[in-house]
Amino acid sequence: MADDIFREVDDDMRMERLRLMARRYVGAAVAVAVVAAAGVGGWQYHAWRGRQDAQAWGATYFAALHLADTSHIAPGETSALTPQQKDAMARLATLDNVPSGLRTLSRLERAALLASSGDTRGALALWTQVSDDQAADPLLRGLASLLWVQHQIDDGDPAVLRSRLATLDGAGKPWRGLAQESEAMLDLRQGRVADARRKLSQITTQIDVPEGLRSRAGGMLQTLNAAPS
């Protein structure tokens, strides 16, 4: 009889311990679930905010492009910025701290606007920012370097310009043809006509450069060959 009583007491104690243990583990499981749900919720909120931000940045960029239209300006000409283009510049400047893709495009657009208005110094500064930005697309960094050189062909330090062009002139480089054209322009500026002819001739035989560039190089080559020695 006593054994039965003690056995019942032991059974009751074991059951109570099991209930306490169950409550403790259920509580822990609920806590883990809450933390996990909060983490998923936070990630979803962050992703949603990221999409919202990206949409807002994109809207700002394309609205600025519409305002910045410079199609009425012929290549080589300059014109004072219109009020709409100044507005575009201000909008594009707000994208200076967004992810690199849109930041790079906005800087290139601002540089184009400044160059079209005659503010070469301002444009050069923006092209330098793009070319020095390690997070930017290499293709766009190369384009920025090329534009930096092209806008100083007539009066920039030839050694500095050639150093920049050397990084763009190589087999498989996307801006190779245009870099060679700029090198030829530098050769002509320095009286190295034979070197200019050689580079222009190389451009006319490269099938991986735009047809317009080959045609332009051929035209310059004909002009050089027709000129008196």
C-alpha atoms as a PDB file:
ATOM      1  CA  MET A   1       0.000   0.000   0.000  1.00  0.00           C
ATOM      2  CA  ALA A   2       2.784   2.405   0.960  1.00  0.00           C
ATOM      3  CA  ASP A   3       4.696   1.422  -2.170  1.00  0.00           C
ATOM      4  CA  ASP A   4       1.660   2.253  -4.250  1.00  0.00           C
ATOM      5  CA  ILE A   5       1.393   5.663  -2.606  1.00  0.00           C
ATOM      6  CA  PHE A   6       5.077   6.429  -3.205  1.00  0.00           C
ATOM      7  CA  ARG A   7       4.764   5.182  -6.782  1.00  0.00           C
ATOM      8  CA  GLU A   8       1.818   7.512  -7.345  1.00  0.00           C
ATOM      9  CA  VAL A   9       3.753  10.403  -5.832  1.00  0.00           C
ATOM     10  CA  ASP A  10       6.738   9.616  -8.078  1.00  0.00           C
ATOM     11  CA  ASP A  11       4.443   9.412 -11.086  1.00  0.00           C
ATOM     12  CA  ASP A  12       2.869  12.739 -10.194  1.00  0.00           C
ATOM     13  CA  MET A  13       6.280  14.367  -9.771  1.00  0.00           C
ATOM     14  CA  ARG A  14       7.493  12.982 -13.080  1.00  0.00           C
ATOM     15  CA  MET A  15       4.362  14.223 -14.839  1.00  0.00           C
ATOM     16  CA  GLU A  16       4.783  17.664 -13.250  1.00  0.00           C
ATOM     17  CA  ARG A  17       8.413  17.772 -14.369  1.00  0.00           C
ATOM     18  CA  LEU A  18       7.338  16.778 -17.863  1.00  0.00           C
ATOM     19  CA  ARG A  19       4.675  19.503 -17.886  1.00  0.00           C
ATOM     20  CA  LEU A  20       7.218  22.098 -16.703  1.00  0.00           C
ATOM     21  CA  MET A  21       9.713  20.919 -19.284  1.00  0.00           C
ATOM     22  CA  ALA A  22       7.080  21.010 -22.013  1.00  0.00           C
ATOM     23  CA  ARG A  23       6.038  24.534 -21.047  1.00  0.00           C
ATOM     24  CA  ARG A  24       9.690  25.637 -21.003  1.00  0.00           C
ATOM     25  CA  TYR A  25      10.444  24.169 -24.426  1.00  0.00           C
ATOM     26  CA  VAL A  26       7.172  25.366 -25.910  1.00  0.00           C
ATOM     27  CA  GLY A  27       8.014  28.849 -24.635  1.00  0.00           C
ATOM     28  CA  ALA A  28      11.474  28.611 -26.170  1.00  0.00           C
ATOM     29  CA  ALA A  29       9.996  27.389 -29.456  1.00  0.00           C
ATOM     30  CA  VAL A  30       7.533  30.259 -29.499  1.00  0.00           C
ATOM     31  CA  ALA A  31      10.376  32.705 -28.823  1.00  0.00           C
ATOM     32  CA  VAL A  32      12.402  31.227 -31.709  1.00  0.00           C
ATOM     33  CA  ALA A  33       9.366  31.435 -33.972  1.00  0.00           C
ATOM     34  CA  VAL A  34       8.810  35.068 -33.009  1.00  0.00           C
ATOM     35  CA  VAL A  35      12.459  35.922 -33.703  1.00  0.00           C
ATOM     36  CA  ALA A  36      12.353  34.067 -37.013  1.00  0.00           C
ATOM     37  CA  ALA A  37       9.122  35.778 -38.014  1.00  0.00           C
ATOM     38  CA  ALA A  38      10.593  39.131 -37.070  1.00  0.00           C
ATOM     39  CA  GLY A  39      13.675  38.369 -39.163  1.00  0.00           C
ATOM     40  CA  VAL A  40      11.609  37.372 -42.195  1.00  0.00           C
ATOM     41  CA  GLY A  41       9.376  40.378 -41.695  1.00  0.00           C
ATOM     42  CA  GLY A  42      12.404  42.659 -41.412  1.00  0.00           C
ATOM     43  CA  TRP A  43      13.956  41.185 -44.564  1.00  0.00           C
ATOM     44  CA  GLN A  44      10.674  41.587 -46.452  1.00  0.00           C
ATOM     45  CA  TYR A  45      10.356  45.173 -45.254  1.00  0.00           C
ATOM     46  CA  HIS A  46      13.954  45.908 -46.238  1.00  0.00           C
ATOM     47  CA  ALA A  47      13.402  44.368 -49.682  1.00  0.00           C
ATOM     48  CA  TRP A  48      10.169  46.359 -50.094  1.00  0.00           C
ATOM     49  CA  ARG A  49      11.901  49.565 -49.063  1.00  0.00           C
ATOM     50  CA  GLY A  50      14.727  48.733 -51.469  1.00  0.00           C
ATOM     51  CA  ARG A  51      12.250  48.329 -54.322  1.00  0.00           C
ATOM     52  CA  GLN A  52      10.476  51.531 -53.323  1.00  0.00           C
ATOM     53  CA  ASP A  53      13.783  53.413 -53.195  1.00  0.00           C
ATOM     54  CA  ALA A  54      14.925  51.977 -56.524  1.00  0.00           C
ATOM     55  CA  GLN A  55      11.658  52.992 -58.162  1.00  0.00           C
ATOM     56  CA  ALA A  56      11.953  56.503 -56.735  1.00  0.00           C
ATOM     57  CA  TRP A  57      15.576  56.836 -57.877  1.00  0.00           C
ATOM     58  CA  GLY A  58      14.686  55.562 -61.326  1.00  0.00           C
ATOM     59  CA  ALA A  59      11.793  57.996 -61.594  1.00  0.00           C
ATOM     60  CA  THR A  60      14.108  60.864 -60.622  1.00  0.00           C
ATOM     61  CA  TYR A  61      16.699  59.827 -63.184  1.00  0.00           C
ATOM     62  CA  PHE A  62      14.293  59.468 -66.110  1.00  0.00           C
ATOM     63  CA  ALA A  63      12.494  62.695 -65.249  1.00  0.00           C
ATOM     64  CA  ALA A  64      15.892  64.433 -65.288  1.00  0.00           C
ATOM     65  CA  LEU A  65      16.729  62.881 -68.666  1.00  0.00           C
ATOM     66  CA  HIS A  66      13.535  64.332 -70.088  1.00  0.00           C
ATOM     67  CA  LEU A  67      14.472  67.777 -68.784  1.00  0.00           C
ATOM     68  CA  ALA A  68      18.102  67.450 -69.869  1.00  0.00           C
ATOM     69  CA  ASP A  69      17.458  66.844 -73.575  1.00  0.00           C
ATOM     70  CA  THR A  70      20.384  68.358 -75.503  1.00  0.00           C
ATOM     71  CA  SER A  71      19.483  66.938 -78.927  1.00  0.00           C
ATOM     72  CA  HIS A  72      19.161  70.447 -80.323  1.00  0.00           C
ATOM     73  CA  ILE A  73      22.870  71.063 -79.701  1.00  0.00           C
ATOM     74  CA  ALA A  74      25.159  70.039 -82.576  1.00  0.00           C
ATOM     75  CA  PRO A  75      28.348  68.111 -81.696  1.00  0.00           C
ATOM     76  CA  GLY A  76      31.129  70.503 -80.744  1.00  0.00           C
ATOM     77  CA  GLU A  77      28.767  73.375 -80.013  1.00  0.00           C
ATOM     78  CA  THR A  78      28.100  74.818 -76.594  1.00  0.00           C
ATOM     79  CA  SER A  79      24.976  76.433 -75.224  1.00  0.00           C
ATOM     80  CA  ALA A  80      24.045  77.865 -71.845  1.00  0.00           C
ATOM     81  CA  LEU A  81      21.969  75.513 -69.730  1.00  0.00           C
ATOM     82  CA  THR A  82      18.259  76.140 -69.936  1.00  0.00           C
ATOM     83  CA  PRO A  83      16.212  76.424 -66.717  1.00  0.00           C
ATOM     84  CA  GLN A  84      14.947  72.892 -67.394  1.00  0.00           C
ATOM     85  CA  GLN A  85      18.497  71.572 -67.728  1.00  0.00           C
ATOM     86  CA  LYS A  86      19.508  73.292 -64.504  1.00  0.00           C
ATOM     87  CA  ASP A  87      16.558  71.548 -62.868  1.00  0.00           C
ATOM     88  CA  ALA A  88      17.806  68.282 -64.357  1.00  0.00           C
ATOM     89  CA  MET A  89      21.274  68.912 -62.924  1.00  0.00           C
ATOM     90  CA  ALA A  90      19.794  69.460 -59.468  1.00  0.00           C
ATOM     91  CA  ARG A  91      17.731  66.269 -59.676  1.00  0.00           C
ATOM     92  CA  LEU A  92      20.670  64.221 -60.912  1.00  0.00           C
ATOM     93  CA  ALA A  93      22.840  65.544 -58.083  1.00  0.00           C
ATOM     94  CA  THR A  94      20.447  63.936 -55.579  1.00  0.00           C
ATOM     95  CA  LEU A  95      21.491  60.537 -56.957  1.00  0.00           C
ATOM     96  CA  ASP A  96      25.124  60.952 -55.950  1.00  0.00           C
ATOM     97  CA  ASN A  97      24.804  58.548 -53.005  1.00  0.00           C
ATOM     98  CA  VAL A  98      22.582  55.849 -54.524  1.00  0.00           C
ATOM     99  CA  PRO A  99      23.893  52.442 -55.680  1.00  0.00           C
ATOM    100  CA  SER A 100      26.712  52.655 -58.201  1.00  0.00           C
ATOM    101  CA  GLY A 101      24.808  51.897 -61.420  1.00  0.00           C
ATOM    102  CA  LEU A 102      22.431  54.827 -61.265  1.00  0.00           C
ATOM    103  CA  ARG A 103      25.041  57.025 -59.587  1.00  0.00           C
ATOM    104  CA  THR A 104      27.426  56.470 -62.511  1.00  0.00           C
ATOM    105  CA  LEU A 105      24.797  57.187 -65.150  1.00  0.00           C
ATOM    106  CA  SER A 106      23.685  60.358 -63.379  1.00  0.00           C
ATOM    107  CA  ARG A 107      27.272  61.623 -63.198  1.00  0.00           C
ATOM    108  CA  LEU A 108      27.833  60.926 -66.893  1.00  0.00           C
ATOM    109  CA  GLU A 109      24.638  62.783 -67.748  1.00  0.00           C
ATOM    110  CA  ARG A 110      25.629  65.747 -65.599  1.00  0.00           C
ATOM    111  CA  ALA A 111      29.069  65.804 -67.237  1.00  0.00           C
ATOM    112  CA  ALA A 112      27.454  65.837 -70.684  1.00  0.00           C
ATOM    113  CA  LEU A 113      25.275  68.779 -69.664  1.00  0.00           C
ATOM    114  CA  LEU A 114      28.233  70.707 -68.298  1.00  0.00           C
ATOM    115  CA  ALA A 115      30.328  69.993 -71.397  1.00  0.00           C
ATOM    116  CA  SER A 116      27.484  71.153 -73.647  1.00  0.00           C
ATOM    117  CA  SER A 117      27.342  74.426 -71.708  1.00  0.00           C
ATOM    118  CA  GLY A 118      31.082  75.020 -72.013  1.00  0.00           C
ATOM    119  CA  ASP A 119      31.906  74.112 -68.405  1.00  0.00           C
ATOM    120  CA  THR A 120      34.688  71.696 -69.335  1.00  0.00           C
ATOM    121  CA  ARG A 121      36.296  71.867 -65.903  1.00  0.00           C
ATOM    122  CA  GLY A 122      33.090  70.734 -64.208  1.00  0.00           C
ATOM    123  CA  ALA A 123      32.635  67.957 -66.751  1.00  0.00           C
ATOM    124  CA  LEU A 124      36.219  66.763 -66.287  1.00  0.00           C
ATOM    125  CA  ALA A 125      35.697  66.556 -62.517  1.00  0.00           C
ATOM    126  CA  LEU A 126      32.635  64.329 -62.956  1.00  0.00           C
ATOM    127  CA  TRP A 127      34.360  62.086 -65.507  1.00  0.00           C
ATOM    128  CA  THR A 128      37.217  61.711 -63.050  1.00  0.00           C
ATOM    129  CA  GLN A 129      34.769  60.686 -60.313  1.00  0.00           C
ATOM    130  CA  VAL A 130      33.358  57.982 -62.577  1.00  0.00           C
ATOM    131  CA  SER A 131      36.724  56.683 -63.779  1.00  0.00           C
ATOM    132  CA  ASP A 132      38.019  56.535 -60.172  1.00  0.00           C
ATOM    133  CA  ASP A 133      34.903  54.821 -58.791  1.00  0.00           C
ATOM    134  CA  GLN A 134      35.924  51.206 -58.155  1.00  0.00           C
ATOM    135  CA  ALA A 135      32.274  50.207 -57.739  1.00  0.00           C
ATOM    136  CA  ALA A 136      31.291  51.537 -61.171  1.00  0.00           C
ATOM    137  CA  ASP A 137      30.905  49.353 -64.245  1.00  0.00           C
ATOM    138  CA  PRO A 138      34.350  48.997 -65.952  1.00  0.00           C
ATOM    139  CA  LEU A 139      32.783  49.820 -69.319  1.00  0.00           C
ATOM    140  CA  LEU A 140      31.473  53.145 -68.007  1.00  0.00           C
ATOM    141  CA  ARG A 141      34.714  53.887 -66.196  1.00  0.00           C
ATOM    142  CA  GLY A 142      36.522  53.441 -69.506  1.00  0.00           C
ATOM    143  CA  LEU A 143      34.029  55.699 -71.259  1.00  0.00           C
ATOM    144  CA  ALA A 144      34.592  58.399 -68.637  1.00  0.00           C
ATOM    145  CA  SER A 145      38.360  58.203 -69.170  1.00  0.00           C
ATOM    146  CA  LEU A 146      37.903  58.417 -72.932  1.00  0.00           C
ATOM    147  CA  LEU A 147      35.647  61.463 -72.678  1.00  0.00           C
ATOM    148  CA  TRP A 148      38.117  63.053 -70.234  1.00  0.00           C
ATOM    149  CA  VAL A 149      40.837  62.713 -72.871  1.00  0.00           C
ATOM    150  CA  GLN A 150      38.731  63.712 -75.874  1.00  0.00           C
ATOM    151  CA  HIS A 151      37.807  67.025 -74.259  1.00  0.00           C
ATOM    152  CA  GLN A 152      41.491  67.881 -73.771  1.00  0.00           C
ATOM    153  CA  ILE A 153      42.954  66.706 -77.078  1.00  0.00           C
ATOM    154  CA  ASP A 154      43.787  70.244 -78.161  1.00  0.00           C
ATOM    155  CA  ASP A 155      45.340  71.618 -74.994  1.00  0.00           C
ATOM    156  CA  GLY A 156      45.880  68.857 -72.426  1.00  0.00           C
ATOM    157  CA  ASP A 157      49.261  67.490 -71.391  1.00  0.00           C
ATOM    158  CA  PRO A 158      50.070  64.911 -74.127  1.00  0.00           C
ATOM    159  CA  ALA A 159      51.930  62.627 -71.713  1.00  0.00           C
ATOM    160  CA  VAL A 160      48.989  62.522 -69.311  1.00  0.00           C
ATOM    161  CA  LEU A 161      46.498  61.989 -72.137  1.00  0.00           C
ATOM    162  CA  ARG A 162      48.553  59.168 -73.661  1.00  0.00           C
ATOM    163  CA  SER A 163      48.856  57.526 -70.262  1.00  0.00           C
ATOM    164  CA  ARG A 164      45.072  57.460 -69.951  1.00  0.00           C
ATOM    165  CA  LEU A 165      44.617  56.219 -73.512  1.00  0.00           C
ATOM    166  CA  ALA A 166      47.113  53.401 -72.969  1.00  0.00           C
ATOM    167  CA  THR A 167      44.699  51.808 -70.488  1.00  0.00           C
ATOM    168  CA  LEU A 168      41.977  51.791 -73.164  1.00  0.00           C
ATOM    169  CA  ASP A 169      44.028  50.667 -76.168  1.00  0.00           C
ATOM    170  CA  GLY A 170      44.480  46.923 -76.037  1.00  0.00           C
ATOM    171  CA  ALA A 171      43.197  43.757 -77.667  1.00  0.00           C
ATOM    172  CA  GLY A 172      39.598  43.163 -76.710  1.00  0.00           C
ATOM    173  CA  LYS A 173      39.205  46.539 -74.966  1.00  0.00           C
ATOM    174  CA  PRO A 174      35.726  47.967 -75.754  1.00  0.00           C
ATOM    175  CA  TRP A 175      36.995  51.524 -76.391  1.00  0.00           C
ATOM    176  CA  ARG A 176      40.117  50.537 -78.327  1.00  0.00           C
ATOM    177  CA  GLY A 177      39.125  52.064 -81.666  1.00  0.00           C
ATOM    178  CA  LEU A 178      38.146  55.416 -80.202  1.00  0.00           C
ATOM    179  CA  ALA A 179      41.283  55.432 -78.049  1.00  0.00           C
ATOM    180  CA  GLN A 180      43.417  54.859 -81.168  1.00  0.00           C
ATOM    181  CA  GLU A 181      41.606  57.689 -82.933  1.00  0.00           C
ATOM    182  CA  SER A 182      42.413  59.996 -80.021  1.00  0.00           C
ATOM    183  CA  GLU A 183      46.040  58.849 -80.096  1.00  0.00           C
ATOM    184  CA  ALA A 184      46.145  59.709 -83.798  1.00  0.00           C
ATOM    185  CA  MET A 185      44.783  63.175 -83.025  1.00  0.00           C
ATOM    186  CA  LEU A 186      47.541  63.639 -80.463  1.00  0.00           C
ATOM    187  CA  ASP A 187      50.108  62.491 -83.031  1.00  0.00           C
ATOM    188  CA  LEU A 188      48.872  65.117 -85.482  1.00  0.00           C
ATOM    189  CA  ARG A 189      48.931  67.770 -82.789  1.00  0.00           C
ATOM    190  CA  GLN A 190      52.587  66.937 -82.116  1.00  0.00           C
ATOM    191  CA  GLY A 191      53.534  66.715 -85.789  1.00  0.00           C
ATOM    192  CA  ARG A 192      53.912  62.922 -85.808  1.00  0.00           C
ATOM    193  CA  VAL A 193      52.061  62.449 -89.078  1.00  0.00           C
ATOM    194  CA  ALA A 194      53.500  59.019 -89.890  1.00  0.00           C
ATOM    195  CA  ASP A 195      52.335  57.672 -86.510  1.00  0.00           C
ATOM    196  CA  ALA A 196      48.881  59.171 -87.073  1.00  0.00           C
ATOM    197  CA  ARG A 197      48.631  57.521 -90.493  1.00  0.00           C
ATOM    198  CA  ARG A 198      49.618  54.154 -89.041  1.00  0.00           C
ATOM    199  CA  LYS A 199      46.987  54.318 -86.276  1.00  0.00           C
ATOM    200  CA  LEU A 200      44.231  55.474 -88.623  1.00  0.00           C
ATOM    201  CA  SER A 201      45.114  52.694 -91.051  1.00  0.00           C
ATOM    202  CA  GLN A 202      44.846  50.160 -88.213  1.00  0.00           C
ATOM    203  CA  ILE A 203      41.378  51.431 -87.361  1.00  0.00           C
ATOM    204  CA  THR A 204      40.143  50.979 -90.954  1.00  0.00           C
ATOM    205  CA  THR A 205      41.052  47.277 -90.861  1.00  0.00           C
ATOM    206  CA  GLN A 206      39.509  46.419 -87.488  1.00  0.00           C
ATOM    207  CA  ILE A 207      36.189  44.617 -87.862  1.00  0.00           C
ATOM    208  CA  ASP A 208      35.350  44.979 -84.161  1.00  0.00           C
ATOM    209  CA  VAL A 209      35.026  48.779 -84.261  1.00  0.00           C
ATOM    210  CA  PRO A 210      31.877  50.630 -85.371  1.00  0.00           C
ATOM    211  CA  GLU A 211      31.523  51.164 -89.100  1.00  0.00           C
ATOM    212  CA  GLY A 212      31.185  54.923 -88.576  1.00  0.00           C
ATOM    213  CA  LEU A 213      34.568  55.015 -86.840  1.00  0.00           C
ATOM    214  CA  ARG A 214      36.230  53.042 -89.644  1.00  0.00           C
ATOM    215  CA  SER A 215      34.699  55.399 -92.191  1.00  0.00           C
ATOM    216  CA  ARG A 216      35.857  58.469 -90.279  1.00  0.00           C
ATOM    217  CA  ALA A 217      39.392  57.067 -89.957  1.00  0.00           C
ATOM    218  CA  GLY A 218      39.435  56.306 -93.677  1.00  0.00           C
ATOM    219  CA  GLY A 219      38.355  59.851 -94.493  1.00  0.00           C
ATOM    220  CA  MET A 220      41.077  61.359 -92.298  1.00  0.00           C
ATOM    221  CA  LEU A 221      43.626  59.010 -93.826  1.00  0.00           C
ATOM    222  CA  GLN A 222      42.673  60.116 -97.346  1.00  0.00           C
ATOM    223  CA  THR A 223      43.007  63.760 -96.303  1.00  0.00           C
ATOM    224  CA  LEU A 224      46.466  63.112 -94.835  1.00  0.00           C
ATOM    225  CA  ASN A 225      47.606  61.193 -97.899  1.00  0.00           C
ATOM    226  CA  ALA A 226      46.374  63.953-100.193  1.00  0.00           C
ATOM    227  CA  ALA A 227      48.187  66.653 -98.231  1.00  0.00           C
ATOM    228  CA  PRO A 228      51.615  67.740 -99.489  1.00  0.00           C
ATOM    229  CA  SER A 229      54.501  66.137 -97.603  1.00  0.00           C
END
